[in-house]
């Protein structure tokens, strides 16, 4: 079995650099309130929903041909919504536990 020489192989395209960690918002510190964290999650959820709506609209009107990007945007919005929903459920459970406590 003959192996091709290295001269006949084409080179790969360079990879795009990853965004720096300094540009990303840092994790919540104890000084940040829970309300700020929750507001941030809600804002991210809203942005993901708007992005998904725009992507679906672009596919429906024929402006976009890349279904992969659209499905990723919709999946991101879905996961973000499920996170918010699970937080709400956990908070409701915690409040009901606190109200059942006997003092």
PDB file of N, CA and C in Angstrom:
ATOM      1  N   UNK A   1       0.846  -1.161   0.000  1.00  0.00           N
ATOM      2  CA  UNK A   1       0.000   0.000   0.000  1.00  0.00           C
ATOM      3  C   UNK A   1       0.895   1.229   0.000  1.00  0.00           C
ATOM      4  N   UNK A   2       0.755   2.049  -0.991  1.00  0.00           N
ATOM      5  CA  UNK A   2       1.597   3.239  -1.119  1.00  0.00           C
ATOM      6  C   UNK A   2       0.961   4.406  -0.375  1.00  0.00           C
ATOM      7  N   UNK A   3       1.780   5.121   0.323  1.00  0.00           N
ATOM      8  CA  UNK A   3       1.313   6.313   1.042  1.00  0.00           C
ATOM      9  C   UNK A   3       1.611   7.553   0.212  1.00  0.00           C
ATOM     10  N   UNK A   4       0.692   8.513   0.192  1.00  0.00           N
ATOM     11  CA  UNK A   4       0.971   9.724  -0.579  1.00  0.00           C
ATOM     12  C   UNK A   4       2.061  10.543   0.110  1.00  0.00           C
ATOM     13  N   UNK A   5       2.802  11.252  -0.679  1.00  0.00           N
ATOM     14  CA  UNK A   5       3.851  12.087  -0.092  1.00  0.00           C
ATOM     15  C   UNK A   5       3.226  13.311   0.565  1.00  0.00           C
ATOM     16  N   UNK A   6       3.943  13.895   1.471  1.00  0.00           N
ATOM     17  CA  UNK A   6       3.433  15.057   2.181  1.00  0.00           C
ATOM     18  C   UNK A   6       3.263  16.259   1.270  1.00  0.00           C
ATOM     19  N   UNK A   7       3.974  16.321   0.183  1.00  0.00           N
ATOM     20  CA  UNK A   7       3.873  17.445  -0.730  1.00  0.00           C
ATOM     21  C   UNK A   7       2.529  17.507  -1.443  1.00  0.00           C
ATOM     22  N   UNK A   8       1.850  16.362  -1.587  1.00  0.00           N
ATOM     23  CA  UNK A   8       0.572  16.354  -2.303  1.00  0.00           C
ATOM     24  C   UNK A   8      -0.607  16.652  -1.405  1.00  0.00           C
ATOM     25  N   UNK A   9      -0.414  16.685  -0.107  1.00  0.00           N
ATOM     26  CA  UNK A   9      -1.511  16.967   0.814  1.00  0.00           C
ATOM     27  C   UNK A   9      -1.738  18.462   0.915  1.00  0.00           C
ATOM     28  N   UNK A  10      -2.994  18.839   0.968  1.00  0.00           N
ATOM     29  CA  UNK A  10      -3.316  20.262   1.097  1.00  0.00           C
ATOM     30  C   UNK A  10      -3.306  20.657   2.573  1.00  0.00           C
ATOM     31  N   UNK A  11      -3.051  21.918   2.829  1.00  0.00           N
ATOM     32  CA  UNK A  11      -3.016  22.389   4.219  1.00  0.00           C
ATOM     33  C   UNK A  11      -4.421  22.744   4.685  1.00  0.00           C
ATOM     34  N   UNK A  12      -4.630  22.670   5.965  1.00  0.00           N
ATOM     35  CA  UNK A  12      -5.914  23.004   6.559  1.00  0.00           C
ATOM     36  C   UNK A  12      -6.037  24.512   6.727  1.00  0.00           C
ATOM     37  N   UNK A  13      -7.252  24.997   6.700  1.00  0.00           N
ATOM     38  CA  UNK A  13      -7.495  26.424   6.929  1.00  0.00           C
ATOM     39  C   UNK A  13      -7.226  26.726   8.404  1.00  0.00           C
ATOM     40  N   UNK A  14      -6.702  27.893   8.709  1.00  0.00           N
ATOM     41  CA  UNK A  14      -6.427  28.209  10.114  1.00  0.00           C
ATOM     42  C   UNK A  14      -7.721  28.339  10.909  1.00  0.00           C
ATOM     43  N   UNK A  15      -7.655  27.953  12.151  1.00  0.00           N
ATOM     44  CA  UNK A  15      -8.814  28.036  13.032  1.00  0.00           C
ATOM     45  C   UNK A  15      -8.998  29.465  13.521  1.00  0.00           C
ATOM     46  N   UNK A  16     -10.246  29.842  13.737  1.00  0.00           N
ATOM     47  CA  UNK A  16     -10.542  31.167  14.289  1.00  0.00           C
ATOM     48  C   UNK A  16     -10.170  31.168  15.769  1.00  0.00           C
ATOM     49  N   UNK A  17      -9.625  32.252  16.278  1.00  0.00           N
ATOM     50  CA  UNK A  17      -9.259  32.290  17.692  1.00  0.00           C
ATOM     51  C   UNK A  17     -10.500  32.284  18.582  1.00  0.00           C
ATOM     52  N   UNK A  18     -10.357  31.684  19.743  1.00  0.00           N
ATOM     53  CA  UNK A  18     -11.442  31.663  20.716  1.00  0.00           C
ATOM     54  C   UNK A  18     -11.578  33.037  21.347  1.00  0.00           C
ATOM     55  N   UNK A  19     -12.796  33.415  21.741  1.00  0.00           N
ATOM     56  CA  UNK A  19     -12.943  34.699  22.420  1.00  0.00           C
ATOM     57  C   UNK A  19     -12.210  34.657  23.758  1.00  0.00           C
ATOM     58  N   UNK A  20     -11.645  35.769  24.115  1.00  0.00           N
ATOM     59  CA  UNK A  20     -10.869  35.802  25.352  1.00  0.00           C
ATOM     60  C   UNK A  20     -11.785  35.684  26.557  1.00  0.00           C
ATOM     61  N   UNK A  21     -11.245  35.160  27.623  1.00  0.00           N
ATOM     62  CA  UNK A  21     -12.029  35.013  28.840  1.00  0.00           C
ATOM     63  C   UNK A  21     -12.332  36.359  29.473  1.00  0.00           C
ATOM     64  N   UNK A  22     -11.502  37.361  29.203  1.00  0.00           N
ATOM     65  CA  UNK A  22     -11.749  38.681  29.775  1.00  0.00           C
ATOM     66  C   UNK A  22     -12.980  39.325  29.158  1.00  0.00           C
ATOM     67  N   UNK A  23     -13.313  38.975  27.927  1.00  0.00           N
ATOM     68  CA  UNK A  23     -14.469  39.562  27.260  1.00  0.00           C
ATOM     69  C   UNK A  23     -15.773  38.957  27.763  1.00  0.00           C
ATOM     70  N   UNK A  24     -15.713  37.774  28.316  1.00  0.00           N
ATOM     71  CA  UNK A  24     -16.911  37.109  28.812  1.00  0.00           C
ATOM     72  C   UNK A  24     -17.246  37.604  30.202  1.00  0.00           C
ATOM     73  N   UNK A  25     -18.530  37.674  30.546  1.00  0.00           N
ATOM     74  CA  UNK A  25     -18.882  38.069  31.909  1.00  0.00           C
ATOM     75  C   UNK A  25     -18.434  36.995  32.891  1.00  0.00           C
ATOM     76  N   UNK A  26     -17.916  37.433  33.995  1.00  0.00           N
ATOM     77  CA  UNK A  26     -17.424  36.483  34.988  1.00  0.00           C
ATOM     78  C   UNK A  26     -18.582  35.865  35.748  1.00  0.00           C
ATOM     79  N   UNK A  27     -18.297  34.782  36.413  1.00  0.00           N
ATOM     80  CA  UNK A  27     -19.315  34.130  37.222  1.00  0.00           C
ATOM     81  C   UNK A  27     -19.700  35.039  38.379  1.00  0.00           C
ATOM     82  N   UNK A  28     -20.876  34.814  38.888  1.00  0.00           N
ATOM     83  CA  UNK A  28     -21.378  35.667  39.957  1.00  0.00           C
ATOM     84  C   UNK A  28     -20.510  35.515  41.206  1.00  0.00           C
ATOM     85  N   UNK A  29     -20.202  36.594  41.807  1.00  0.00           N
ATOM     86  CA  UNK A  29     -19.460  36.591  43.056  1.00  0.00           C
ATOM     87  C   UNK A  29     -20.448  36.732  44.192  1.00  0.00           C
ATOM     88  N   UNK A  30     -20.043  36.419  45.407  1.00  0.00           N
ATOM     89  CA  UNK A  30     -20.965  36.560  46.524  1.00  0.00           C
ATOM     90  C   UNK A  30     -21.467  37.993  46.708  1.00  0.00           C
ATOM     91  N   UNK A  31     -20.702  38.983  46.248  1.00  0.00           N
ATOM     92  CA  UNK A  31     -21.146  40.368  46.378  1.00  0.00           C
ATOM     93  C   UNK A  31     -22.330  40.655  45.460  1.00  0.00           C
ATOM     94  N   UNK A  32     -22.426  39.921  44.340  1.00  0.00           N
ATOM     95  CA  UNK A  32     -23.567  40.103  43.453  1.00  0.00           C
ATOM     96  C   UNK A  32     -24.791  39.472  44.094  1.00  0.00           C
ATOM     97  N   UNK A  33     -25.904  40.131  43.954  1.00  0.00           N
ATOM     98  CA  UNK A  33     -27.132  39.586  44.499  1.00  0.00           C
ATOM     99  C   UNK A  33     -27.729  38.534  43.591  1.00  0.00           C
ATOM    100  N   UNK A  34     -28.572  37.728  44.164  1.00  0.00           N
ATOM    101  CA  UNK A  34     -29.241  36.695  43.383  1.00  0.00           C
ATOM    102  C   UNK A  34     -30.121  37.331  42.317  1.00  0.00           C
ATOM    103  N   UNK A  35     -30.661  38.489  42.631  1.00  0.00           N
ATOM    104  CA  UNK A  35     -31.500  39.190  41.668  1.00  0.00           C
ATOM    105  C   UNK A  35     -30.741  39.572  40.413  1.00  0.00           C
ATOM    106  N   UNK A  36     -29.492  40.010  40.585  1.00  0.00           N
ATOM    107  CA  UNK A  36     -28.678  40.374  39.420  1.00  0.00           C
ATOM    108  C   UNK A  36     -28.387  39.151  38.555  1.00  0.00           C
ATOM    109  N   UNK A  37     -28.100  38.042  39.192  1.00  0.00           N
ATOM    110  CA  UNK A  37     -27.836  36.811  38.442  1.00  0.00           C
ATOM    111  C   UNK A  37     -29.085  36.400  37.675  1.00  0.00           C
ATOM    112  N   UNK A  38     -30.221  36.471  38.333  1.00  0.00           N
ATOM    113  CA  UNK A  38     -31.480  36.103  37.697  1.00  0.00           C
ATOM    114  C   UNK A  38     -31.820  37.062  36.559  1.00  0.00           C
ATOM    115  N   UNK A  39     -31.581  38.347  36.744  1.00  0.00           N
ATOM    116  CA  UNK A  39     -31.820  39.316  35.673  1.00  0.00           C
ATOM    117  C   UNK A  39     -30.905  39.047  34.476  1.00  0.00           C
ATOM    118  N   UNK A  40     -29.670  38.681  34.759  1.00  0.00           N
ATOM    119  CA  UNK A  40     -28.744  38.349  33.679  1.00  0.00           C
ATOM    120  C   UNK A  40     -29.210  37.132  32.892  1.00  0.00           C
ATOM    121  N   UNK A  41     -29.683  36.117  33.608  1.00  0.00           N
ATOM    122  CA  UNK A  41     -30.191  34.918  32.928  1.00  0.00           C
ATOM    123  C   UNK A  41     -31.418  35.239  32.086  1.00  0.00           C
ATOM    124  N   UNK A  42     -32.294  36.086  32.618  1.00  0.00           N
ATOM    125  CA  UNK A  42     -33.486  36.465  31.866  1.00  0.00           C
ATOM    126  C   UNK A  42     -33.122  37.277  30.624  1.00  0.00           C
ATOM    127  N   UNK A  43     -32.127  38.150  30.757  1.00  0.00           N
ATOM    128  CA  UNK A  43     -31.689  38.938  29.601  1.00  0.00           C
ATOM    129  C   UNK A  43     -31.074  38.034  28.532  1.00  0.00           C
ATOM    130  N   UNK A  44     -30.254  37.075  28.946  1.00  0.00           N
ATOM    131  CA  UNK A  44     -29.664  36.134  27.993  1.00  0.00           C
ATOM    132  C   UNK A  44     -30.743  35.295  27.316  1.00  0.00           C
ATOM    133  N   UNK A  45     -31.762  34.910  28.083  1.00  0.00           N
ATOM    134  CA  UNK A  45     -32.859  34.131  27.521  1.00  0.00           C
ATOM    135  C   UNK A  45     -33.618  34.952  26.487  1.00  0.00           C
ATOM    136  N   UNK A  46     -33.858  36.213  26.796  1.00  0.00           N
ATOM    137  CA  UNK A  46     -34.549  37.074  25.842  1.00  0.00           C
ATOM    138  C   UNK A  46     -33.762  37.260  24.563  1.00  0.00           C
ATOM    139  N   UNK A  47     -32.458  37.453  24.694  1.00  0.00           N
ATOM    140  CA  UNK A  47     -31.604  37.624  23.521  1.00  0.00           C
ATOM    141  C   UNK A  47     -31.571  36.345  22.680  1.00  0.00           C
ATOM    142  N   UNK A  48     -31.497  35.193  23.339  1.00  0.00           N
ATOM    143  CA  UNK A  48     -31.481  33.916  22.613  1.00  0.00           C
ATOM    144  C   UNK A  48     -32.806  33.697  21.891  1.00  0.00           C
ATOM    145  N   UNK A  49     -33.902  34.097  22.515  1.00  0.00           N
ATOM    146  CA  UNK A  49     -35.216  33.946  21.889  1.00  0.00           C
ATOM    147  C   UNK A  49     -35.347  34.843  20.665  1.00  0.00           C
ATOM    148  N   UNK A  50     -34.864  36.072  20.775  1.00  0.00           N
ATOM    149  CA  UNK A  50     -34.920  36.997  19.638  1.00  0.00           C
ATOM    150  C   UNK A  50     -34.067  36.474  18.483  1.00  0.00           C
ATOM    151  N   UNK A  51     -32.879  35.969  18.801  1.00  0.00           N
ATOM    152  CA  UNK A  51     -31.997  35.420  17.771  1.00  0.00           C
ATOM    153  C   UNK A  51     -32.649  34.225  17.072  1.00  0.00           C
ATOM    154  N   UNK A  52     -33.275  33.359  17.844  1.00  0.00           N
ATOM    155  CA  UNK A  52     -33.944  32.192  17.265  1.00  0.00           C
ATOM    156  C   UNK A  52     -35.123  32.618  16.395  1.00  0.00           C
ATOM    157  N   UNK A  53     -35.895  33.604  16.857  1.00  0.00           N
ATOM    158  CA  UNK A  53     -37.026  34.087  16.060  1.00  0.00           C
ATOM    159  C   UNK A  53     -36.560  34.677  14.731  1.00  0.00           C
ATOM    160  N   UNK A  54     -35.474  35.460  14.777  1.00  0.00           N
ATOM    161  CA  UNK A  54     -34.945  36.051  13.549  1.00  0.00           C
ATOM    162  C   UNK A  54     -34.427  34.977  12.596  1.00  0.00           C
ATOM    163  N   UNK A  55     -33.786  33.948  13.139  1.00  0.00           N
ATOM    164  CA  UNK A  55     -33.257  32.869  12.303  1.00  0.00           C
ATOM    165  C   UNK A  55     -34.388  32.087  11.641  1.00  0.00           C
ATOM    166  N   UNK A  56     -35.446  31.807  12.391  1.00  0.00           N
ATOM    167  CA  UNK A  56     -36.582  31.071  11.825  1.00  0.00           C
ATOM    168  C   UNK A  56     -37.277  31.924  10.772  1.00  0.00           C
ATOM    169  N   UNK A  57     -37.411  33.213  11.034  1.00  0.00           N
ATOM    170  CA  UNK A  57     -38.031  34.109  10.062  1.00  0.00           C
ATOM    171  C   UNK A  57     -37.203  34.173   8.777  1.00  0.00           C
ATOM    172  N   UNK A  58     -35.879  34.186   8.924  1.00  0.00           N
ATOM    173  CA  UNK A  58     -35.018  34.227   7.748  1.00  0.00           C
ATOM    174  C   UNK A  58     -35.148  32.959   6.903  1.00  0.00           C
ATOM    175  N   UNK A  59     -35.294  31.827   7.541  1.00  0.00           N
ATOM    176  CA  UNK A  59     -35.475  30.581   6.794  1.00  0.00           C
ATOM    177  C   UNK A  59     -36.852  30.557   6.137  1.00  0.00           C
ATOM    178  N   UNK A  60     -37.865  31.033   6.853  1.00  0.00           N
ATOM    179  CA  UNK A  60     -39.223  31.016   6.310  1.00  0.00           C
ATOM    180  C   UNK A  60     -39.359  31.933   5.099  1.00  0.00           C
ATOM    181  N   UNK A  61     -38.640  33.033   5.089  1.00  0.00           N
ATOM    182  CA  UNK A  61     -38.719  33.964   3.958  1.00  0.00           C
ATOM    183  C   UNK A  61     -37.728  33.623   2.852  1.00  0.00           C
ATOM    184  N   UNK A  62     -36.865  32.661   3.068  1.00  0.00           N
ATOM    185  CA  UNK A  62     -35.912  32.248   2.059  1.00  0.00           C
ATOM    186  C   UNK A  62     -34.611  33.032   2.064  1.00  0.00           C
ATOM    187  N   UNK A  63     -34.414  33.895   3.055  1.00  0.00           N
ATOM    188  CA  UNK A  63     -33.192  34.682   3.147  1.00  0.00           C
ATOM    189  C   UNK A  63     -32.002  33.830   3.568  1.00  0.00           C
ATOM    190  N   UNK A  64     -32.233  32.852   4.428  1.00  0.00           N
ATOM    191  CA  UNK A  64     -31.148  32.016   4.945  1.00  0.00           C
ATOM    192  C   UNK A  64     -31.302  30.605   4.389  1.00  0.00           C
ATOM    193  N   UNK A  65     -30.191  30.005   4.052  1.00  0.00           N
ATOM    194  CA  UNK A  65     -30.189  28.640   3.545  1.00  0.00           C
ATOM    195  C   UNK A  65     -29.537  27.673   4.521  1.00  0.00           C
ATOM    196  N   UNK A  66     -28.901  28.196   5.561  1.00  0.00           N
ATOM    197  CA  UNK A  66     -28.145  27.383   6.504  1.00  0.00           C
ATOM    198  C   UNK A  66     -29.060  26.918   7.644  1.00  0.00           C
ATOM    199  N   UNK A  67     -29.609  25.727   7.516  1.00  0.00           N
ATOM    200  CA  UNK A  67     -30.510  25.199   8.538  1.00  0.00           C
ATOM    201  C   UNK A  67     -29.772  24.832   9.820  1.00  0.00           C
ATOM    202  N   UNK A  68     -28.479  24.539   9.688  1.00  0.00           N
ATOM    203  CA  UNK A  68     -27.689  24.171  10.862  1.00  0.00           C
ATOM    204  C   UNK A  68     -27.638  25.322  11.861  1.00  0.00           C
ATOM    205  N   UNK A  69     -27.389  26.523  11.378  1.00  0.00           N
ATOM    206  CA  UNK A  69     -27.327  27.693  12.260  1.00  0.00           C
ATOM    207  C   UNK A  69     -28.682  27.969  12.886  1.00  0.00           C
ATOM    208  N   UNK A  70     -29.735  27.796  12.122  1.00  0.00           N
ATOM    209  CA  UNK A  70     -31.079  28.028  12.639  1.00  0.00           C
ATOM    210  C   UNK A  70     -31.409  27.022  13.733  1.00  0.00           C
ATOM    211  N   UNK A  71     -31.088  25.760  13.495  1.00  0.00           N
ATOM    212  CA  UNK A  71     -31.390  24.746  14.509  1.00  0.00           C
ATOM    213  C   UNK A  71     -30.567  24.964  15.769  1.00  0.00           C
ATOM    214  N   UNK A  72     -29.329  25.439  15.625  1.00  0.00           N
ATOM    215  CA  UNK A  72     -28.526  25.749  16.810  1.00  0.00           C
ATOM    216  C   UNK A  72     -29.115  26.915  17.595  1.00  0.00           C
ATOM    217  N   UNK A  73     -29.586  27.936  16.912  1.00  0.00           N
ATOM    218  CA  UNK A  73     -30.187  29.090  17.588  1.00  0.00           C
ATOM    219  C   UNK A  73     -31.461  28.686  18.323  1.00  0.00           C
ATOM    220  N   UNK A  74     -32.270  27.848  17.693  1.00  0.00           N
ATOM    221  CA  UNK A  74     -33.510  27.390  18.329  1.00  0.00           C
ATOM    222  C   UNK A  74     -33.193  26.499  19.530  1.00  0.00           C
ATOM    223  N   UNK A  75     -32.201  25.635  19.408  1.00  0.00           N
ATOM    224  CA  UNK A  75     -31.825  24.764  20.521  1.00  0.00           C
ATOM    225  C   UNK A  75     -31.271  25.574  21.686  1.00  0.00           C
ATOM    226  N   UNK A  76     -30.486  26.607  21.392  1.00  0.00           N
ATOM    227  CA  UNK A  76     -29.951  27.453  22.459  1.00  0.00           C
ATOM    228  C   UNK A  76     -31.078  28.175  23.186  1.00  0.00           C
ATOM    229  N   UNK A  77     -32.040  28.695  22.445  1.00  0.00           N
ATOM    230  CA  UNK A  77     -33.180  29.371  23.068  1.00  0.00           C
ATOM    231  C   UNK A  77     -33.991  28.386  23.909  1.00  0.00           C
ATOM    232  N   UNK A  78     -34.150  27.168  23.417  1.00  0.00           N
ATOM    233  CA  UNK A  78     -34.900  26.152  24.160  1.00  0.00           C
ATOM    234  C   UNK A  78     -34.200  25.793  25.467  1.00  0.00           C
ATOM    235  N   UNK A  79     -32.877  25.585  25.402  1.00  0.00           N
ATOM    236  CA  UNK A  79     -32.135  25.250  26.617  1.00  0.00           C
ATOM    237  C   UNK A  79     -32.154  26.396  27.628  1.00  0.00           C
ATOM    238  N   UNK A  80     -32.057  27.616  27.128  1.00  0.00           N
ATOM    239  CA  UNK A  80     -32.109  28.774  28.008  1.00  0.00           C
ATOM    240  C   UNK A  80     -33.465  28.868  28.700  1.00  0.00           C
ATOM    241  N   UNK A  81     -34.530  28.626  27.942  1.00  0.00           N
ATOM    242  CA  UNK A  81     -35.861  28.654  28.525  1.00  0.00           C
ATOM    243  C   UNK A  81     -36.042  27.545  29.556  1.00  0.00           C
ATOM    244  N   UNK A  82     -35.533  26.361  29.250  1.00  0.00           N
ATOM    245  CA  UNK A  82     -35.653  25.250  30.196  1.00  0.00           C
ATOM    246  C   UNK A  82     -34.888  25.528  31.493  1.00  0.00           C
ATOM    247  N   UNK A  83     -33.750  26.221  31.391  1.00  0.00           N
ATOM    248  CA  UNK A  83     -32.999  26.600  32.581  1.00  0.00           C
ATOM    249  C   UNK A  83     -33.814  27.543  33.447  1.00  0.00           C
ATOM    250  N   UNK A  84     -34.421  28.553  32.839  1.00  0.00           N
ATOM    251  CA  UNK A  84     -35.251  29.506  33.579  1.00  0.00           C
ATOM    252  C   UNK A  84     -36.432  28.782  34.218  1.00  0.00           C
ATOM    253  N   UNK A  85     -37.051  27.887  33.482  1.00  0.00           N
ATOM    254  CA  UNK A  85     -38.190  27.138  34.002  1.00  0.00           C
ATOM    255  C   UNK A  85     -37.790  26.259  35.186  1.00  0.00           C
ATOM    256  N   UNK A  86     -36.645  25.620  35.088  1.00  0.00           N
ATOM    257  CA  UNK A  86     -36.177  24.767  36.192  1.00  0.00           C
ATOM    258  C   UNK A  86     -35.825  25.602  37.415  1.00  0.00           C
ATOM    259  N   UNK A  87     -35.236  26.775  37.198  1.00  0.00           N
ATOM    260  CA  UNK A  87     -34.969  27.668  38.335  1.00  0.00           C
ATOM    261  C   UNK A  87     -36.256  28.079  39.025  1.00  0.00           C
ATOM    262  N   UNK A  88     -37.265  28.399  38.230  1.00  0.00           N
ATOM    263  CA  UNK A  88     -38.560  28.768  38.816  1.00  0.00           C
ATOM    264  C   UNK A  88     -39.139  27.618  39.630  1.00  0.00           C
ATOM    265  N   UNK A  89     -39.078  26.420  39.099  1.00  0.00           N
ATOM    266  CA  UNK A  89     -39.606  25.258  39.816  1.00  0.00           C
ATOM    267  C   UNK A  89     -38.847  25.011  41.113  1.00  0.00           C
ATOM    268  N   UNK A  90     -37.521  25.131  41.058  1.00  0.00           N
ATOM    269  CA  UNK A  90     -36.725  24.921  42.269  1.00  0.00           C
ATOM    270  C   UNK A  90     -37.004  25.989  43.320  1.00  0.00           C
ATOM    271  N   UNK A  91     -37.154  27.235  42.877  1.00  0.00           N
ATOM    272  CA  UNK A  91     -37.472  28.313  43.820  1.00  0.00           C
ATOM    273  C   UNK A  91     -38.846  28.108  44.446  1.00  0.00           C
ATOM    274  N   UNK A  92     -39.809  27.677  43.650  1.00  0.00           N
ATOM    275  CA  UNK A  92     -41.145  27.411  44.188  1.00  0.00           C
ATOM    276  C   UNK A  92     -41.088  26.285  45.208  1.00  0.00           C
ATOM    277  N   UNK A  93     -40.317  25.247  44.934  1.00  0.00           N
ATOM    278  CA  UNK A  93     -40.160  24.152  45.896  1.00  0.00           C
ATOM    279  C   UNK A  93     -39.488  24.639  47.183  1.00  0.00           C
ATOM    280  N   UNK A  94     -38.491  25.495  47.051  1.00  0.00           N
ATOM    281  CA  UNK A  94     -37.800  26.014  48.228  1.00  0.00           C
ATOM    282  C   UNK A  94     -38.726  26.873  49.076  1.00  0.00           C
ATOM    283  N   UNK A  95     -39.528  27.691  48.435  1.00  0.00           N
ATOM    284  CA  UNK A  95     -40.464  28.542  49.179  1.00  0.00           C
ATOM    285  C   UNK A  95     -41.490  27.679  49.902  1.00  0.00           C
ATOM    286  N   UNK A  96     -41.992  26.643  49.255  1.00  0.00           N
ATOM    287  CA  UNK A  96     -42.971  25.776  49.914  1.00  0.00           C
ATOM    288  C   UNK A  96     -42.330  25.021  51.080  1.00  0.00           C
ATOM    289  N   UNK A  97     -41.069  24.637  50.954  1.00  0.00           N
ATOM    290  CA  UNK A  97     -40.376  23.982  52.075  1.00  0.00           C
ATOM    291  C   UNK A  97     -40.219  24.931  53.253  1.00  0.00           C
ATOM    292  N   UNK A  98     -39.879  26.164  52.974  1.00  0.00           N
ATOM    293  CA  UNK A  98     -39.697  27.144  54.050  1.00  0.00           C
ATOM    294  C   UNK A  98     -41.018  27.417  54.742  1.00  0.00           C
ATOM    295  N   UNK A  99     -42.105  27.504  53.987  1.00  0.00           N
ATOM    296  CA  UNK A  99     -43.398  27.775  54.608  1.00  0.00           C
ATOM    297  C   UNK A  99     -43.900  26.570  55.412  1.00  0.00           C
ATOM    298  N   UNK A 100     -43.449  25.380  55.127  1.00  0.00           N
ATOM    299  CA  UNK A 100     -43.855  24.194  55.894  1.00  0.00           C
ATOM    300  C   UNK A 100     -43.043  24.009  57.164  1.00  0.00           C
ATOM    301  N   UNK A 101     -41.953  24.755  57.304  1.00  0.00           N
ATOM    302  CA  UNK A 101     -41.126  24.607  58.500  1.00  0.00           C
ATOM    303  C   UNK A 101     -41.877  25.080  59.749  1.00  0.00           C
ATOM    304  N   UNK A 102     -41.667  24.350  60.804  1.00  0.00           N
ATOM    305  CA  UNK A 102     -42.246  24.749  62.086  1.00  0.00           C
ATOM    306  C   UNK A 102     -41.191  25.490  62.889  1.00  0.00           C
ATOM    307  N   UNK A 103     -41.606  26.577  63.438  1.00  0.00           N
ATOM    308  CA  UNK A 103     -40.659  27.398  64.203  1.00  0.00           C
ATOM    309  C   UNK A 103     -40.764  27.097  65.674  1.00  0.00           C
TER     310      UNK A 103
END
